[in-house]
Amino acid sequence: MVQTETGEFDGRGGRVFWRAWIPSDRVRAVIALVHGVAEHSGRYDHVGKRLADSGFAVYALDHIGHGRSAGSKANIDSIDGAADNVAALLDIASERHPDLPRFVLGHSMGSLITLYLATRAPLDVAGVAISAPPLDISAGSALQRALAPALSRWAPNLGVLQLDSSMISRDPEVVRGYDADPLVFSGKLPARTGAEILRATETVTARLDRLTVPTLVLHGADDALAAPSSADTVEQRAGAKDLTVIRYPGLYHEIFNEPEQDAVLGDLVGWLEKHLTGE
């Protein structure tokens, strides 16, 4: 049995909603789960339950501007603020389950936020796992990229980039569910979010040598939303001696929502279990 809980805290940018999946038996470690752009934590229910079944207490927030948290639709406000909120969520999980190993699991923009947090200052975790890190971004013209900082400042909620939902998964049911989900933002991503993502990719890439905690990178080889070459960038530049990179031939962007999700989640659980301490 897995217990589910929800809560809120005062975060950077406003009230932050979170949900958790708690094992009914002994908790072996805690995980802060960090979702991607335009979506929300509820889309990870199957991931949270799978990890909780393996003894991990999983806490997932909705970013500012996303899901049930405060803010303008899909406007992340700032990557620094998002990273602070993830750190706060991790502390909440640790307070509720003290003296246990801690992990951060991020997908897409969530993996970028995870890398930003892990390279900004030393992070007290047993490891980080990232899915589809968007470090190599080709979206938008050169002019749009040059104008991004100005648009972010003067028109932060202006829609600038439309995501193609058909590219998230090869499973048509996943795509239909995504398109029908009222908590998923289906419009063009706002200028502030786009500019913050671009800025974060440059910052993270420049300081990947500071990524020294054990790291797992998972990426679909046919990901058209976050270039698979991003996994190469982490592999080549990360300072972590304990670094595992797994590429999945044929898989799209949301590897946890592909037909092969059981195998992907099995790889994730296996890596997490190998990096538990104190057992």
C-alpha atoms as a PDB file:
ATOM      1  CA  MET A   1       0.000   0.000   0.000  1.00  0.00           C
ATOM      2  CA  VAL A   2       1.116   3.541  -0.800  1.00  0.00           C
ATOM      3  CA  GLN A   3      -0.184   6.529   1.141  1.00  0.00           C
ATOM      4  CA  THR A   4      -0.702   9.828  -0.680  1.00  0.00           C
ATOM      5  CA  GLU A   5      -0.524  13.256   0.928  1.00  0.00           C
ATOM      6  CA  THR A   6      -0.670  16.870  -0.205  1.00  0.00           C
ATOM      7  CA  GLY A   7       0.435  20.169   1.274  1.00  0.00           C
ATOM      8  CA  GLU A   8       1.636  23.688   0.605  1.00  0.00           C
ATOM      9  CA  PHE A   9       4.472  25.967   1.674  1.00  0.00           C
ATOM     10  CA  ASP A  10       5.404  29.617   1.189  1.00  0.00           C
ATOM     11  CA  GLY A  11       7.974  29.482  -1.568  1.00  0.00           C
ATOM     12  CA  ARG A  12       9.839  31.852  -3.829  1.00  0.00           C
ATOM     13  CA  GLY A  13       7.167  33.400  -6.017  1.00  0.00           C
ATOM     14  CA  GLY A  14       4.163  32.457  -3.872  1.00  0.00           C
ATOM     15  CA  ARG A  15       2.385  29.436  -2.474  1.00  0.00           C
ATOM     16  CA  VAL A  16       3.797  26.123  -3.659  1.00  0.00           C
ATOM     17  CA  PHE A  17       1.617  23.003  -3.793  1.00  0.00           C
ATOM     18  CA  TRP A  18       3.157  19.580  -3.236  1.00  0.00           C
ATOM     19  CA  ARG A  19       2.028  15.976  -3.202  1.00  0.00           C
ATOM     20  CA  ALA A  20       3.721  12.868  -1.827  1.00  0.00           C
ATOM     21  CA  TRP A  21       3.680   9.110  -2.176  1.00  0.00           C
ATOM     22  CA  ILE A  22       4.702   7.448   1.092  1.00  0.00           C
ATOM     23  CA  PRO A  23       5.486   3.744   1.567  1.00  0.00           C
ATOM     24  CA  SER A  24       3.224   2.066   4.110  1.00  0.00           C
ATOM     25  CA  ASP A  25       6.213   0.087   5.360  1.00  0.00           C
ATOM     26  CA  ARG A  26       9.747   1.223   6.155  1.00  0.00           C
ATOM     27  CA  VAL A  27      10.982   4.291   4.291  1.00  0.00           C
ATOM     28  CA  ARG A  28      14.501   3.780   2.930  1.00  0.00           C
ATOM     29  CA  ALA A  29      15.157   7.244   1.464  1.00  0.00           C
ATOM     30  CA  VAL A  30      13.422  10.428   0.298  1.00  0.00           C
ATOM     31  CA  ILE A  31      13.181  11.797  -3.236  1.00  0.00           C
ATOM     32  CA  ALA A  32      12.275  15.290  -4.408  1.00  0.00           C
ATOM     33  CA  LEU A  33      10.668  14.893  -7.837  1.00  0.00           C
ATOM     34  CA  VAL A  34      10.873  17.904 -10.166  1.00  0.00           C
ATOM     35  CA  HIS A  35       8.490  18.074 -13.148  1.00  0.00           C
ATOM     36  CA  GLY A  36       8.970  19.732 -16.526  1.00  0.00           C
ATOM     37  CA  VAL A  37       7.639  22.866 -18.191  1.00  0.00           C
ATOM     38  CA  ALA A  38       3.874  23.392 -18.697  1.00  0.00           C
ATOM     39  CA  GLU A  39       2.936  20.224 -16.749  1.00  0.00           C
ATOM     40  CA  HIS A  40       2.446  19.385 -13.067  1.00  0.00           C
ATOM     41  CA  SER A  41       3.314  16.861 -10.368  1.00  0.00           C
ATOM     42  CA  GLY A  42       0.095  14.874 -10.765  1.00  0.00           C
ATOM     43  CA  ARG A  43       1.348  13.452 -14.067  1.00  0.00           C
ATOM     44  CA  TYR A  44       3.919  11.471 -12.055  1.00  0.00           C
ATOM     45  CA  ASP A  45       1.439   9.455 -10.015  1.00  0.00           C
ATOM     46  CA  HIS A  46       2.610   6.161 -11.533  1.00  0.00           C
ATOM     47  CA  VAL A  47       6.251   7.127 -10.970  1.00  0.00           C
ATOM     48  CA  GLY A  48       5.623   8.092  -7.340  1.00  0.00           C
ATOM     49  CA  LYS A  49       3.759   4.851  -6.657  1.00  0.00           C
ATOM     50  CA  ARG A  50       6.455   2.727  -8.322  1.00  0.00           C
ATOM     51  CA  LEU A  51       9.184   4.365  -6.250  1.00  0.00           C
ATOM     52  CA  ALA A  52       7.135   4.196  -3.057  1.00  0.00           C
ATOM     53  CA  ASP A  53       6.596   0.476  -3.650  1.00  0.00           C
ATOM     54  CA  SER A  54      10.396   0.197  -3.515  1.00  0.00           C
ATOM     55  CA  GLY A  55      10.607   2.044  -0.199  1.00  0.00           C
ATOM     56  CA  PHE A  56      11.197   5.622  -1.343  1.00  0.00           C
ATOM     57  CA  ALA A  57       9.134   8.518   0.010  1.00  0.00           C
ATOM     58  CA  VAL A  58       8.559  10.740  -3.019  1.00  0.00           C
ATOM     59  CA  TYR A  59       7.688  14.438  -2.717  1.00  0.00           C
ATOM     60  CA  ALA A  60       6.788  16.391  -5.852  1.00  0.00           C
ATOM     61  CA  LEU A  61       5.936  20.075  -6.128  1.00  0.00           C
ATOM     62  CA  ASP A  62       4.141  22.130  -8.749  1.00  0.00           C
ATOM     63  CA  HIS A  63       6.466  24.898  -9.902  1.00  0.00           C
ATOM     64  CA  ILE A  64       5.342  28.499  -9.629  1.00  0.00           C
ATOM     65  CA  GLY A  65       2.998  29.130 -12.542  1.00  0.00           C
ATOM     66  CA  HIS A  66       2.216  25.432 -12.867  1.00  0.00           C
ATOM     67  CA  GLY A  67      -0.456  23.039 -11.651  1.00  0.00           C
ATOM     68  CA  ARG A  68      -1.971  24.076  -8.330  1.00  0.00           C
ATOM     69  CA  SER A  69       0.766  26.523  -7.289  1.00  0.00           C
ATOM     70  CA  ALA A  70       0.554  30.318  -7.419  1.00  0.00           C
ATOM     71  CA  GLY A  71       1.687  32.461 -10.336  1.00  0.00           C
ATOM     72  CA  SER A  72       0.879  33.289 -13.946  1.00  0.00           C
ATOM     73  CA  LYS A  73       0.233  30.305 -16.206  1.00  0.00           C
ATOM     74  CA  ALA A  74       3.462  28.483 -17.177  1.00  0.00           C
ATOM     75  CA  ASN A  75       5.561  31.429 -15.954  1.00  0.00           C
ATOM     76  CA  ILE A  76       8.353  29.856 -13.885  1.00  0.00           C
ATOM     77  CA  ASP A  77       9.286  33.327 -12.555  1.00  0.00           C
ATOM     78  CA  SER A  78      12.973  32.446 -12.073  1.00  0.00           C
ATOM     79  CA  ILE A  79      15.188  29.388 -12.183  1.00  0.00           C
ATOM     80  CA  ASP A  80      16.867  30.508  -8.961  1.00  0.00           C
ATOM     81  CA  GLY A  81      13.475  30.642  -7.265  1.00  0.00           C
ATOM     82  CA  ALA A  82      12.505  27.269  -8.677  1.00  0.00           C
ATOM     83  CA  ALA A  83      15.761  25.775  -7.373  1.00  0.00           C
ATOM     84  CA  ASP A  84      15.122  27.312  -3.944  1.00  0.00           C
ATOM     85  CA  ASN A  85      11.655  25.760  -3.884  1.00  0.00           C
ATOM     86  CA  VAL A  86      13.060  22.329  -4.737  1.00  0.00           C
ATOM     87  CA  ALA A  87      15.582  22.712  -1.905  1.00  0.00           C
ATOM     88  CA  ALA A  88      12.729  23.668   0.443  1.00  0.00           C
ATOM     89  CA  LEU A  89      10.731  20.619  -0.634  1.00  0.00           C
ATOM     90  CA  LEU A  90      13.745  18.398  -0.029  1.00  0.00           C
ATOM     91  CA  ASP A  91      14.046  19.829   3.480  1.00  0.00           C
ATOM     92  CA  ILE A  92      10.339  19.217   4.129  1.00  0.00           C
ATOM     93  CA  ALA A  93      10.792  15.592   3.094  1.00  0.00           C
ATOM     94  CA  SER A  94      13.831  15.257   5.366  1.00  0.00           C
ATOM     95  CA  GLU A  95      11.998  16.803   8.311  1.00  0.00           C
ATOM     96  CA  ARG A  96       9.210  14.269   7.885  1.00  0.00           C
ATOM     97  CA  HIS A  97      11.646  11.370   7.381  1.00  0.00           C
ATOM     98  CA  PRO A  98      14.817  12.355   9.254  1.00  0.00           C
ATOM     99  CA  ASP A  99      18.261  10.807   8.926  1.00  0.00           C
ATOM    100  CA  LEU A 100      17.589   9.134   5.583  1.00  0.00           C
ATOM    101  CA  PRO A 101      19.454   9.408   2.254  1.00  0.00           C
ATOM    102  CA  ARG A 102      18.107  12.101  -0.059  1.00  0.00           C
ATOM    103  CA  PHE A 103      17.819  12.174  -3.848  1.00  0.00           C
ATOM    104  CA  VAL A 104      16.530  14.606  -6.453  1.00  0.00           C
ATOM    105  CA  LEU A 105      14.814  13.318  -9.601  1.00  0.00           C
ATOM    106  CA  GLY A 106      14.106  15.796 -12.396  1.00  0.00           C
ATOM    107  CA  HIS A 107      12.562  15.573 -15.853  1.00  0.00           C
ATOM    108  CA  SER A 108      13.189  18.005 -18.740  1.00  0.00           C
ATOM    109  CA  MET A 109      13.038  21.546 -17.310  1.00  0.00           C
ATOM    110  CA  GLY A 110      12.939  19.810 -13.937  1.00  0.00           C
ATOM    111  CA  SER A 111      16.274  18.174 -14.713  1.00  0.00           C
ATOM    112  CA  LEU A 112      17.675  21.583 -15.675  1.00  0.00           C
ATOM    113  CA  ILE A 113      16.496  22.979 -12.328  1.00  0.00           C
ATOM    114  CA  THR A 114      18.024  19.959 -10.592  1.00  0.00           C
ATOM    115  CA  LEU A 115      21.371  20.534 -12.307  1.00  0.00           C
ATOM    116  CA  TYR A 116      21.172  24.246 -11.523  1.00  0.00           C
ATOM    117  CA  LEU A 117      20.629  23.463  -7.842  1.00  0.00           C
ATOM    118  CA  ALA A 118      23.341  20.791  -7.714  1.00  0.00           C
ATOM    119  CA  THR A 119      25.967  23.068  -9.335  1.00  0.00           C
ATOM    120  CA  ARG A 120      25.034  26.322  -7.565  1.00  0.00           C
ATOM    121  CA  ALA A 121      26.404  25.181  -4.211  1.00  0.00           C
ATOM    122  CA  PRO A 122      27.258  21.838  -2.582  1.00  0.00           C
ATOM    123  CA  LEU A 123      24.082  19.777  -2.323  1.00  0.00           C
ATOM    124  CA  ASP A 124      23.590  17.318   0.527  1.00  0.00           C
ATOM    125  CA  VAL A 125      22.171  14.375  -1.404  1.00  0.00           C
ATOM    126  CA  ALA A 126      23.104  10.764  -2.084  1.00  0.00           C
ATOM    127  CA  GLY A 127      22.616  11.432  -5.789  1.00  0.00           C
ATOM    128  CA  VAL A 128      20.605  13.085  -8.542  1.00  0.00           C
ATOM    129  CA  ALA A 129      18.774  11.435 -11.435  1.00  0.00           C
ATOM    130  CA  ILE A 130      17.836  13.457 -14.491  1.00  0.00           C
ATOM    131  CA  SER A 131      15.604  12.580 -17.432  1.00  0.00           C
ATOM    132  CA  ALA A 132      15.849  14.403 -20.784  1.00  0.00           C
ATOM    133  CA  PRO A 133      18.039  17.326 -19.676  1.00  0.00           C
ATOM    134  CA  PRO A 134      17.499  20.242 -22.141  1.00  0.00           C
ATOM    135  CA  LEU A 135      21.038  21.605 -22.317  1.00  0.00           C
ATOM    136  CA  ASP A 136      21.368  21.792 -26.108  1.00  0.00           C
ATOM    137  CA  ILE A 137      18.442  23.956 -27.221  1.00  0.00           C
ATOM    138  CA  SER A 138      17.878  24.862 -30.862  1.00  0.00           C
ATOM    139  CA  ALA A 139      14.311  26.154 -30.515  1.00  0.00           C
ATOM    140  CA  GLY A 140      13.689  29.685 -31.699  1.00  0.00           C
ATOM    141  CA  SER A 141      15.515  31.846 -34.217  1.00  0.00           C
ATOM    142  CA  ALA A 142      18.729  33.706 -33.465  1.00  0.00           C
ATOM    143  CA  LEU A 143      16.700  36.919 -33.261  1.00  0.00           C
ATOM    144  CA  GLN A 144      14.225  35.410 -30.809  1.00  0.00           C
ATOM    145  CA  ARG A 145      17.054  34.179 -28.628  1.00  0.00           C
ATOM    146  CA  ALA A 146      18.720  37.597 -28.724  1.00  0.00           C
ATOM    147  CA  LEU A 147      15.468  39.305 -27.767  1.00  0.00           C
ATOM    148  CA  ALA A 148      14.643  36.814 -25.001  1.00  0.00           C
ATOM    149  CA  PRO A 149      16.082  38.828 -22.070  1.00  0.00           C
ATOM    150  CA  ALA A 150      14.221  41.998 -23.117  1.00  0.00           C
ATOM    151  CA  LEU A 151      10.939  40.157 -23.659  1.00  0.00           C
ATOM    152  CA  SER A 152      11.350  38.430 -20.308  1.00  0.00           C
ATOM    153  CA  ARG A 153      11.660  41.787 -18.599  1.00  0.00           C
ATOM    154  CA  TRP A 154       9.046  43.828 -20.440  1.00  0.00           C
ATOM    155  CA  ALA A 155       6.501  41.217 -21.542  1.00  0.00           C
ATOM    156  CA  PRO A 156       7.076  38.188 -19.266  1.00  0.00           C
ATOM    157  CA  ASN A 157       3.745  36.509 -20.068  1.00  0.00           C
ATOM    158  CA  LEU A 158       3.921  36.979 -23.833  1.00  0.00           C
ATOM    159  CA  GLY A 159       3.593  33.595 -25.568  1.00  0.00           C
ATOM    160  CA  VAL A 160       6.688  32.827 -27.620  1.00  0.00           C
ATOM    161  CA  LEU A 161       7.012  29.063 -28.171  1.00  0.00           C
ATOM    162  CA  GLN A 162       4.456  26.319 -28.821  1.00  0.00           C
ATOM    163  CA  LEU A 163       5.355  22.794 -27.744  1.00  0.00           C
ATOM    164  CA  ASP A 164       4.286  19.854 -29.911  1.00  0.00           C
ATOM    165  CA  SER A 165       2.468  17.454 -27.595  1.00  0.00           C
ATOM    166  CA  SER A 166       2.730  14.618 -30.129  1.00  0.00           C
ATOM    167  CA  MET A 167       6.444  14.503 -29.386  1.00  0.00           C
ATOM    168  CA  ILE A 168       6.136  13.648 -25.690  1.00  0.00           C
ATOM    169  CA  SER A 169       5.382   9.924 -26.147  1.00  0.00           C
ATOM    170  CA  ARG A 170       4.786   7.243 -28.767  1.00  0.00           C
ATOM    171  CA  ASP A 171       1.730   6.167 -26.752  1.00  0.00           C
ATOM    172  CA  PRO A 172      -1.316   7.994 -28.205  1.00  0.00           C
ATOM    173  CA  GLU A 173      -3.203   7.578 -24.916  1.00  0.00           C
ATOM    174  CA  VAL A 174      -0.479   9.538 -23.112  1.00  0.00           C
ATOM    175  CA  VAL A 175      -0.719  12.334 -25.681  1.00  0.00           C
ATOM    176  CA  ARG A 176      -4.517  12.436 -25.467  1.00  0.00           C
ATOM    177  CA  GLY A 177      -4.362  12.531 -21.670  1.00  0.00           C
ATOM    178  CA  TYR A 178      -1.808  15.339 -21.788  1.00  0.00           C
ATOM    179  CA  ASP A 179      -3.928  17.397 -24.200  1.00  0.00           C
ATOM    180  CA  ALA A 180      -7.078  16.885 -22.103  1.00  0.00           C
ATOM    181  CA  ASP A 181      -5.465  17.620 -18.730  1.00  0.00           C
ATOM    182  CA  PRO A 182      -6.799  20.964 -17.413  1.00  0.00           C
ATOM    183  CA  LEU A 183      -3.664  21.465 -15.309  1.00  0.00           C
ATOM    184  CA  VAL A 184      -1.367  21.166 -18.342  1.00  0.00           C
ATOM    185  CA  PHE A 185      -0.704  24.495 -20.048  1.00  0.00           C
ATOM    186  CA  SER A 186      -1.398  24.143 -23.769  1.00  0.00           C
ATOM    187  CA  GLY A 187      -0.635  27.666 -24.981  1.00  0.00           C
ATOM    188  CA  LYS A 188       2.656  29.173 -26.080  1.00  0.00           C
ATOM    189  CA  LEU A 189       5.296  29.208 -23.343  1.00  0.00           C
ATOM    190  CA  PRO A 190       5.718  32.694 -21.884  1.00  0.00           C
ATOM    191  CA  ALA A 191       8.780  34.793 -22.608  1.00  0.00           C
ATOM    192  CA  ARG A 192       9.975  34.730 -18.988  1.00  0.00           C
ATOM    193  CA  THR A 193      10.055  30.948 -18.866  1.00  0.00           C
ATOM    194  CA  GLY A 194      11.823  30.690 -22.206  1.00  0.00           C
ATOM    195  CA  ALA A 195      14.456  33.236 -21.210  1.00  0.00           C
ATOM    196  CA  GLU A 196      15.029  31.586 -17.823  1.00  0.00           C
ATOM    197  CA  ILE A 197      15.501  28.197 -19.470  1.00  0.00           C
ATOM    198  CA  LEU A 198      17.988  29.634 -21.971  1.00  0.00           C
ATOM    199  CA  ARG A 199      19.899  31.398 -19.209  1.00  0.00           C
ATOM    200  CA  ALA A 200      19.953  28.264 -17.072  1.00  0.00           C
ATOM    201  CA  THR A 201      21.295  26.103 -19.903  1.00  0.00           C
ATOM    202  CA  GLU A 202      24.240  28.455 -20.335  1.00  0.00           C
ATOM    203  CA  THR A 203      24.883  28.663 -16.591  1.00  0.00           C
ATOM    204  CA  VAL A 204      24.627  24.925 -15.984  1.00  0.00           C
ATOM    205  CA  THR A 205      26.779  23.994 -18.980  1.00  0.00           C
ATOM    206  CA  ALA A 206      29.505  26.358 -17.810  1.00  0.00           C
ATOM    207  CA  ARG A 207      29.636  24.854 -14.333  1.00  0.00           C
ATOM    208  CA  LEU A 208      29.010  21.156 -14.930  1.00  0.00           C
ATOM    209  CA  ASP A 209      32.425  20.464 -13.435  1.00  0.00           C
ATOM    210  CA  ARG A 210      30.767  21.324 -10.105  1.00  0.00           C
ATOM    211  CA  LEU A 211      28.363  18.408 -10.521  1.00  0.00           C
ATOM    212  CA  THR A 212      30.188  16.039  -8.195  1.00  0.00           C
ATOM    213  CA  VAL A 213      27.377  14.031  -6.565  1.00  0.00           C
ATOM    214  CA  PRO A 214      26.527  10.590  -8.004  1.00  0.00           C
ATOM    215  CA  THR A 215      24.472  11.233 -11.123  1.00  0.00           C
ATOM    216  CA  LEU A 216      22.179   9.196 -13.353  1.00  0.00           C
ATOM    217  CA  VAL A 217      21.265  10.554 -16.810  1.00  0.00           C
ATOM    218  CA  LEU A 218      18.367   8.982 -18.748  1.00  0.00           C
ATOM    219  CA  HIS A 219      17.486  10.110 -22.275  1.00  0.00           C
ATOM    220  CA  GLY A 220      15.347   8.886 -25.137  1.00  0.00           C
ATOM    221  CA  ALA A 221      17.442   8.682 -28.289  1.00  0.00           C
ATOM    222  CA  ASP A 222      14.515   9.941 -30.417  1.00  0.00           C
ATOM    223  CA  ASP A 223      13.684  12.875 -28.141  1.00  0.00           C
ATOM    224  CA  ALA A 224      12.648  15.802 -30.385  1.00  0.00           C
ATOM    225  CA  LEU A 225      11.957  18.218 -27.497  1.00  0.00           C
ATOM    226  CA  ALA A 226      15.251  17.979 -25.555  1.00  0.00           C
ATOM    227  CA  ALA A 227      18.186  17.124 -27.794  1.00  0.00           C
ATOM    228  CA  PRO A 228      19.768  13.748 -26.914  1.00  0.00           C
ATOM    229  CA  SER A 229      23.152  15.477 -27.334  1.00  0.00           C
ATOM    230  CA  SER A 230      22.422  17.065 -23.947  1.00  0.00           C
ATOM    231  CA  ALA A 231      23.225  13.709 -22.336  1.00  0.00           C
ATOM    232  CA  ASP A 232      26.563  13.802 -24.166  1.00  0.00           C
ATOM    233  CA  THR A 233      27.231  17.249 -22.720  1.00  0.00           C
ATOM    234  CA  VAL A 234      26.688  16.006 -19.173  1.00  0.00           C
ATOM    235  CA  GLU A 235      28.765  12.901 -19.820  1.00  0.00           C
ATOM    236  CA  GLN A 236      31.679  14.921 -21.186  1.00  0.00           C
ATOM    237  CA  ARG A 237      31.693  17.831 -18.730  1.00  0.00           C
ATOM    238  CA  ALA A 238      30.327  16.622 -15.382  1.00  0.00           C
ATOM    239  CA  GLY A 239      32.759  16.490 -12.493  1.00  0.00           C
ATOM    240  CA  ALA A 240      31.059  13.435 -10.975  1.00  0.00           C
ATOM    241  CA  LYS A 241      33.230  10.343 -10.817  1.00  0.00           C
ATOM    242  CA  ASP A 242      30.088   8.273 -10.236  1.00  0.00           C
ATOM    243  CA  LEU A 243      28.209   8.998 -13.470  1.00  0.00           C
ATOM    244  CA  THR A 244      25.820   6.674 -15.310  1.00  0.00           C
ATOM    245  CA  VAL A 245      24.273   7.589 -18.672  1.00  0.00           C
ATOM    246  CA  ILE A 246      21.559   5.412 -20.219  1.00  0.00           C
ATOM    247  CA  ARG A 247      20.234   6.126 -23.709  1.00  0.00           C
ATOM    248  CA  TYR A 248      17.042   4.441 -24.899  1.00  0.00           C
ATOM    249  CA  PRO A 249      16.857   3.826 -28.672  1.00  0.00           C
ATOM    250  CA  GLY A 250      13.535   4.849 -30.196  1.00  0.00           C
ATOM    251  CA  LEU A 251      12.101   6.508 -27.073  1.00  0.00           C
ATOM    252  CA  TYR A 252      10.628  10.020 -27.144  1.00  0.00           C
ATOM    253  CA  HIS A 253      10.815  12.821 -24.576  1.00  0.00           C
ATOM    254  CA  GLU A 254       8.817  11.427 -21.641  1.00  0.00           C
ATOM    255  CA  ILE A 255      10.620   8.156 -21.062  1.00  0.00           C
ATOM    256  CA  PHE A 256       8.514   7.483 -17.944  1.00  0.00           C
ATOM    257  CA  ASN A 257       5.426   7.596 -20.179  1.00  0.00           C
ATOM    258  CA  GLU A 258       6.663   5.486 -23.067  1.00  0.00           C
ATOM    259  CA  PRO A 259       5.498   1.896 -23.700  1.00  0.00           C
ATOM    260  CA  GLU A 260       8.859   0.797 -22.228  1.00  0.00           C
ATOM    261  CA  GLN A 261       8.280   2.711 -18.991  1.00  0.00           C
ATOM    262  CA  ASP A 262       8.521  -0.382 -16.779  1.00  0.00           C
ATOM    263  CA  ALA A 263      12.065  -1.046 -17.952  1.00  0.00           C
ATOM    264  CA  VAL A 264      13.011   2.627 -17.557  1.00  0.00           C
ATOM    265  CA  LEU A 265      11.607   2.795 -14.023  1.00  0.00           C
ATOM    266  CA  GLY A 266      13.400  -0.473 -13.274  1.00  0.00           C
ATOM    267  CA  ASP A 267      16.699   1.134 -14.307  1.00  0.00           C
ATOM    268  CA  LEU A 268      15.939   4.132 -12.087  1.00  0.00           C
ATOM    269  CA  VAL A 269      15.041   2.021  -9.040  1.00  0.00           C
ATOM    270  CA  GLY A 270      18.103  -0.167  -9.539  1.00  0.00           C
ATOM    271  CA  TRP A 271      20.390   2.885  -9.595  1.00  0.00           C
ATOM    272  CA  LEU A 272      18.731   4.406  -6.533  1.00  0.00           C
ATOM    273  CA  GLU A 273      19.069   1.179  -4.574  1.00  0.00           C
ATOM    274  CA  LYS A 274      22.778   0.952  -5.419  1.00  0.00           C
ATOM    275  CA  HIS A 275      23.275   4.436  -4.007  1.00  0.00           C
ATOM    276  CA  LEU A 276      21.486   3.986  -0.689  1.00  0.00           C
ATOM    277  CA  THR A 277      23.688   4.536   2.331  1.00  0.00           C
ATOM    278  CA  GLY A 278      23.185   3.358   5.855  1.00  0.00           C
ATOM    279  CA  GLU A 279      21.395   0.122   4.954  1.00  0.00           C
END
